[in-house]
Amino acid sequence: MKKNILSIMAIVIVLVATLLGLTGCKTYKTYTYDVDTGDKIAIKLDTSKGYDMTSKLPFKVTDGDDKTVLQGTFCNLDGYKEYVQIAKNNPGSEIIDSGNKNGVEYTFYKYEYPGEETEYIYVAKVEDSDTGVLMGSTVSKEAAKNAFERMKFSKVN
């Protein structure tokens, strides 16, 4: 009897530990794009909490409420540099953040269209490539940032 109780307790402990381990698991979705620059670029999205991404361009990232929170496409290095200059010099632009993260050098800025909505824009250069990524959101700064931080970019050889 005592052995049965210990066996049952051991099984329960193993099951609880397994379930706790599974709750922290992340899931990912990766798409690879053949870009006009000649590069193949992979985007990996952490799809936990209901996030998802489409495979067609412009790609769209949706949150757990199935709301499109970020849309993006690719550009060449001249396009990347041009958008960085817009972020720095345009009177309607304000840089929020910049740096290197998740395989890209990026600039995150907001652009206020006169009399219209504000767009939150990421312009990024994929490491070791000739490709830039342009992504925008009209939802909010936080929505754009949360989506971007779930993404990893890489050049595929």
Protein backbone atom coordinates (compact mmCIF):
# COMPACT_ATOMS: atom_id res chain seq x y z
CA MET A 1 0.00 0.00 0.00
CA LYS A 2 2.76 2.37 1.00
CA LYS A 3 4.66 1.52 -2.22
CA ASN A 4 1.55 2.28 -4.31
CA ILE A 5 1.15 5.70 -2.70
CA LEU A 6 4.83 6.49 -3.28
CA SER A 7 4.57 5.34 -6.89
CA ILE A 8 1.49 7.48 -7.47
CA MET A 9 3.17 10.49 -5.83
CA ALA A 10 6.24 10.01 -8.03
CA ILE A 11 4.08 9.90 -11.16
CA VAL A 12 2.20 13.03 -10.07
CA ILE A 13 5.47 14.87 -9.42
CA VAL A 14 6.83 13.89 -12.85
CA LEU A 15 3.59 15.00 -14.56
CA VAL A 16 3.53 18.34 -12.73
CA ALA A 17 7.20 18.97 -13.57
CA THR A 18 6.54 18.14 -17.23
CA LEU A 19 3.54 20.46 -17.40
CA LEU A 20 5.47 23.29 -15.75
CA GLY A 21 8.29 22.79 -18.23
CA LEU A 22 5.93 22.94 -21.18
CA THR A 23 4.33 26.22 -20.11
CA GLY A 24 7.60 28.06 -20.71
CA CYS A 25 8.13 26.64 -24.21
CA LYS A 26 8.33 29.02 -27.11
CA THR A 27 7.26 28.25 -30.63
CA TYR A 28 8.68 29.81 -33.77
CA LYS A 29 7.75 30.34 -37.39
CA THR A 30 10.43 31.04 -39.99
CA TYR A 31 10.03 32.27 -43.56
CA THR A 32 12.82 32.72 -46.08
CA TYR A 33 12.50 35.37 -48.78
CA ASP A 34 14.38 35.73 -52.09
CA VAL A 35 15.02 39.47 -52.11
CA ASP A 36 15.68 41.69 -55.16
CA THR A 37 19.17 42.39 -53.78
CA GLY A 38 20.10 38.77 -54.52
CA ASP A 39 20.09 37.85 -50.83
CA LYS A 40 17.98 35.19 -49.18
CA ILE A 41 16.70 36.58 -45.90
CA ALA A 42 15.14 34.50 -43.13
CA ILE A 43 12.77 36.01 -40.58
CA LYS A 44 12.10 33.94 -37.46
CA LEU A 45 9.15 34.98 -35.30
CA ASP A 46 8.46 33.90 -31.72
CA THR A 47 4.82 32.84 -32.09
CA SER A 48 4.08 32.34 -28.40
CA LYS A 49 1.15 34.33 -27.01
CA GLY A 50 -0.63 34.02 -30.37
CA TYR A 51 1.73 36.06 -32.57
CA ASP A 52 1.82 35.04 -36.22
CA MET A 53 3.34 36.16 -39.53
CA THR A 54 2.34 35.85 -43.17
CA SER A 55 4.66 34.52 -45.85
CA LYS A 56 3.71 36.90 -48.67
CA LEU A 57 5.11 40.38 -49.14
CA PRO A 58 4.44 42.71 -47.60
CA PHE A 59 4.67 40.38 -44.61
CA LYS A 60 2.32 41.06 -41.72
CA VAL A 61 2.81 40.29 -38.05
CA THR A 62 -0.33 39.81 -35.98
CA ASP A 63 -0.68 39.70 -32.20
CA GLY A 64 -2.69 37.33 -30.02
CA ASP A 65 -5.87 39.26 -30.86
CA ASP A 66 -5.23 38.66 -34.59
CA LYS A 67 -4.62 42.39 -35.07
CA THR A 68 -1.95 43.40 -37.61
CA VAL A 69 0.66 45.17 -35.50
CA LEU A 70 3.54 45.37 -38.00
CA GLN A 71 3.87 45.22 -41.79
CA GLY A 72 7.12 44.97 -43.64
CA THR A 73 9.01 44.60 -46.86
CA PHE A 74 12.59 44.61 -48.09
CA CYS A 75 14.75 47.29 -49.69
CA ASN A 76 18.30 47.66 -50.94
CA LEU A 77 21.04 49.46 -49.01
CA ASP A 78 20.29 52.80 -50.70
CA GLY A 79 16.68 52.52 -49.54
CA TYR A 80 17.85 51.64 -46.03
CA LYS A 81 20.16 54.68 -45.92
CA GLU A 82 17.42 56.94 -47.29
CA TYR A 83 14.95 55.91 -44.58
CA VAL A 84 17.60 56.42 -41.88
CA GLN A 85 18.14 59.94 -43.21
CA ILE A 86 14.39 60.58 -43.13
CA ALA A 87 14.36 59.45 -39.49
CA LYS A 88 17.22 61.84 -38.67
CA ASN A 89 16.30 64.88 -40.74
CA ASN A 90 12.57 65.02 -41.48
CA PRO A 91 10.64 67.50 -39.30
CA GLY A 92 7.83 64.97 -38.79
CA SER A 93 10.24 62.27 -37.55
CA GLU A 94 11.50 61.51 -34.07
CA ILE A 95 13.99 58.72 -33.38
CA ILE A 96 12.85 56.48 -30.54
CA ASP A 97 15.71 53.96 -30.48
CA SER A 98 18.58 52.58 -32.53
CA GLY A 99 21.13 49.83 -32.16
CA ASN A 100 22.00 46.25 -33.07
CA LYS A 101 19.67 43.42 -32.12
CA ASN A 102 18.39 40.11 -33.45
CA GLY A 103 20.62 40.13 -36.54
CA VAL A 104 20.01 43.71 -37.67
CA GLU A 105 21.30 47.23 -37.24
CA TYR A 106 18.10 49.23 -36.77
CA THR A 107 16.57 52.65 -36.29
CA PHE A 108 13.13 52.88 -34.69
CA TYR A 109 11.31 56.16 -35.18
CA LYS A 110 7.89 57.69 -35.29
CA TYR A 111 6.63 59.71 -38.21
CA GLU A 112 3.70 62.05 -37.75
CA TYR A 113 1.80 62.65 -40.96
CA PRO A 114 0.32 66.18 -40.82
CA GLY A 115 -3.37 65.90 -39.99
CA GLU A 116 -3.22 62.09 -40.09
CA GLU A 117 -2.12 59.16 -37.97
CA THR A 118 1.31 58.50 -36.52
CA GLU A 119 3.34 55.63 -37.90
CA TYR A 120 6.01 53.77 -35.91
CA ILE A 121 8.73 52.61 -38.27
CA TYR A 122 11.66 50.23 -38.03
CA VAL A 123 14.28 50.49 -40.74
CA ALA A 124 16.92 47.79 -40.42
CA LYS A 125 19.93 46.39 -42.24
CA VAL A 126 20.34 42.61 -42.08
CA GLU A 127 23.85 41.65 -40.94
CA ASP A 128 26.27 40.48 -43.64
CA SER A 129 23.83 41.36 -46.43
CA ASP A 130 22.92 44.02 -48.97
CA THR A 131 19.33 44.03 -47.71
CA GLY A 132 17.31 46.40 -45.60
CA VAL A 133 13.95 45.74 -43.98
CA LEU A 134 11.29 48.42 -43.64
CA MET A 135 8.51 47.75 -41.11
CA GLY A 136 5.72 50.01 -39.93
CA SER A 137 2.82 50.09 -37.50
CA THR A 138 -0.03 52.53 -37.00
CA VAL A 139 -1.23 50.70 -33.88
CA SER A 140 1.19 51.99 -31.23
CA LYS A 141 4.84 52.30 -30.29
CA GLU A 142 4.48 49.41 -27.85
CA ALA A 143 2.78 47.13 -30.40
CA ALA A 144 5.54 47.76 -32.96
CA LYS A 145 8.28 47.22 -30.37
CA ASN A 146 6.72 44.02 -29.01
CA ALA A 147 6.45 42.55 -32.51
CA PHE A 148 9.98 43.61 -33.53
CA GLU A 149 11.51 42.12 -30.39
CA ARG A 150 9.98 38.74 -31.31
CA MET A 151 11.72 38.73 -34.70
CA LYS A 152 15.19 37.51 -35.68
CA PHE A 153 16.71 38.21 -39.08
CA SER A 154 19.50 36.43 -40.92
CA LYS A 155 21.04 36.05 -44.33
CA VAL A 156 20.79 32.49 -45.61
CA ASN A 157 23.82 31.21 -47.55
